[in-house]
Amino acid sequence: MPGFVGIIQVVTVSSSGIVHIGDVFQLQPKAVAKTFSGAGSFITGDGLQVYNELSNTNVNDTDGVDQPITFTL
């Protein structure tokens, strides 16, 4: 059911965000990200003790495209 929208103010929209006003059939935000991190990078908590004597992160990516998002419906 259509509705009437008054004045709106959009301050920020992230790179993969959608601003939706009104009726819509389908919304598909699209974004691509690749993260390289070493050992112990995403460990969170209180009082942790992490010992990484030998740590090596391989960032060599031989393929050009991992998962294309063009021409997707």
C-alpha atoms as a PDB file:
ATOM      1  CA  MET A   1       0.000   0.000   0.000  1.00  0.00           C
ATOM      2  CA  PRO A   2       1.567   3.295  -1.049  1.00  0.00           C
ATOM      3  CA  GLY A   3       2.229   5.880   1.591  1.00  0.00           C
ATOM      4  CA  PHE A   4       3.172   9.523   1.657  1.00  0.00           C
ATOM      5  CA  VAL A   5       6.652  10.362   2.894  1.00  0.00           C
ATOM      6  CA  GLY A   6       7.476  13.768   4.274  1.00  0.00           C
ATOM      7  CA  ILE A   7      10.873  15.417   4.375  1.00  0.00           C
ATOM      8  CA  ILE A   8      13.785  13.021   4.913  1.00  0.00           C
ATOM      9  CA  GLN A   9      17.485  13.572   5.439  1.00  0.00           C
ATOM     10  CA  VAL A  10      20.037  10.929   4.484  1.00  0.00           C
ATOM     11  CA  VAL A  11      23.330  11.671   6.220  1.00  0.00           C
ATOM     12  CA  THR A  12      25.459   8.741   5.054  1.00  0.00           C
ATOM     13  CA  VAL A  13      25.038   5.535   3.087  1.00  0.00           C
ATOM     14  CA  SER A  14      27.784   2.913   3.208  1.00  0.00           C
ATOM     15  CA  SER A  15      29.286   1.501   0.029  1.00  0.00           C
ATOM     16  CA  SER A  16      27.071  -1.586   0.204  1.00  0.00           C
ATOM     17  CA  GLY A  17      23.997   0.105   1.690  1.00  0.00           C
ATOM     18  CA  ILE A  18      20.566   0.788   0.239  1.00  0.00           C
ATOM     19  CA  VAL A  19      18.238   3.723   0.808  1.00  0.00           C
ATOM     20  CA  HIS A  20      14.677   2.513   0.305  1.00  0.00           C
ATOM     21  CA  ILE A  21      11.714   4.872   0.066  1.00  0.00           C
ATOM     22  CA  GLY A  22       8.476   3.610  -1.428  1.00  0.00           C
ATOM     23  CA  ASP A  23       7.362   0.319  -2.933  1.00  0.00           C
ATOM     24  CA  VAL A  24       9.942  -2.108  -4.218  1.00  0.00           C
ATOM     25  CA  PHE A  25      10.002  -5.692  -5.489  1.00  0.00           C
ATOM     26  CA  GLN A  26      13.577  -6.720  -4.743  1.00  0.00           C
ATOM     27  CA  LEU A  27      16.662  -5.102  -3.175  1.00  0.00           C
ATOM     28  CA  GLN A  28      20.163  -6.473  -3.736  1.00  0.00           C
ATOM     29  CA  PRO A  29      23.123  -4.662  -2.208  1.00  0.00           C
ATOM     30  CA  LYS A  30      26.375  -5.751  -3.820  1.00  0.00           C
ATOM     31  CA  ALA A  31      29.842  -5.517  -2.329  1.00  0.00           C
ATOM     32  CA  VAL A  32      33.136  -7.370  -2.572  1.00  0.00           C
ATOM     33  CA  ALA A  33      35.820  -7.601   0.102  1.00  0.00           C
ATOM     34  CA  LYS A  34      38.948  -9.656   0.615  1.00  0.00           C
ATOM     35  CA  THR A  35      40.790  -9.761   3.913  1.00  0.00           C
ATOM     36  CA  PHE A  36      44.311 -10.963   4.615  1.00  0.00           C
ATOM     37  CA  SER A  37      45.380 -11.259   8.230  1.00  0.00           C
ATOM     38  CA  GLY A  38      48.079 -12.956  10.224  1.00  0.00           C
ATOM     39  CA  ALA A  39      47.847 -15.394  13.084  1.00  0.00           C
ATOM     40  CA  GLY A  40      45.952 -14.022  16.065  1.00  0.00           C
ATOM     41  CA  SER A  41      44.523 -11.026  14.187  1.00  0.00           C
ATOM     42  CA  PHE A  42      40.835 -11.549  14.964  1.00  0.00           C
ATOM     43  CA  ILE A  43      41.189 -12.819  18.523  1.00  0.00           C
ATOM     44  CA  THR A  44      39.164 -10.728  20.962  1.00  0.00           C
ATOM     45  CA  GLY A  45      38.474 -11.034  24.666  1.00  0.00           C
ATOM     46  CA  ASP A  46      39.754 -10.145  28.089  1.00  0.00           C
ATOM     47  CA  GLY A  47      43.124 -11.310  29.429  1.00  0.00           C
ATOM     48  CA  LEU A  48      44.295 -13.166  26.328  1.00  0.00           C
ATOM     49  CA  GLN A  49      47.866 -14.262  25.872  1.00  0.00           C
ATOM     50  CA  VAL A  50      48.689 -15.168  22.277  1.00  0.00           C
ATOM     51  CA  TYR A  51      52.133 -16.440  21.313  1.00  0.00           C
ATOM     52  CA  ASN A  52      52.890 -16.675  17.590  1.00  0.00           C
ATOM     53  CA  GLU A  53      56.544 -17.522  17.207  1.00  0.00           C
ATOM     54  CA  LEU A  54      56.447 -18.113  13.448  1.00  0.00           C
ATOM     55  CA  SER A  55      53.667 -16.404  11.515  1.00  0.00           C
ATOM     56  CA  ASN A  56      53.465 -15.911   7.752  1.00  0.00           C
ATOM     57  CA  THR A  57      50.474 -14.617   5.792  1.00  0.00           C
ATOM     58  CA  ASN A  58      50.408 -15.550   2.114  1.00  0.00           C
ATOM     59  CA  VAL A  59      48.824 -12.702   0.136  1.00  0.00           C
ATOM     60  CA  ASN A  60      49.701 -14.011  -3.328  1.00  0.00           C
ATOM     61  CA  ASP A  61      46.415 -14.209  -5.266  1.00  0.00           C
ATOM     62  CA  THR A  62      46.965 -15.680  -8.718  1.00  0.00           C
ATOM     63  CA  ASP A  63      43.411 -15.530 -10.049  1.00  0.00           C
ATOM     64  CA  GLY A  64      42.143 -12.207 -11.366  1.00  0.00           C
ATOM     65  CA  VAL A  65      38.530 -12.422 -10.169  1.00  0.00           C
ATOM     66  CA  ASP A  66      37.357 -14.520  -7.228  1.00  0.00           C
ATOM     67  CA  GLN A  67      33.593 -14.002  -7.432  1.00  0.00           C
ATOM     68  CA  PRO A  68      32.293 -11.487  -9.967  1.00  0.00           C
ATOM     69  CA  ILE A  69      29.241  -9.433  -9.056  1.00  0.00           C
ATOM     70  CA  THR A  70      28.588  -8.003 -12.526  1.00  0.00           C
ATOM     71  CA  PHE A  71      25.556  -9.219 -14.470  1.00  0.00           C
ATOM     72  CA  THR A  72      23.913 -10.684 -11.368  1.00  0.00           C
ATOM     73  CA  LEU A  73      20.205 -10.353 -10.861  1.00  0.00           C
END
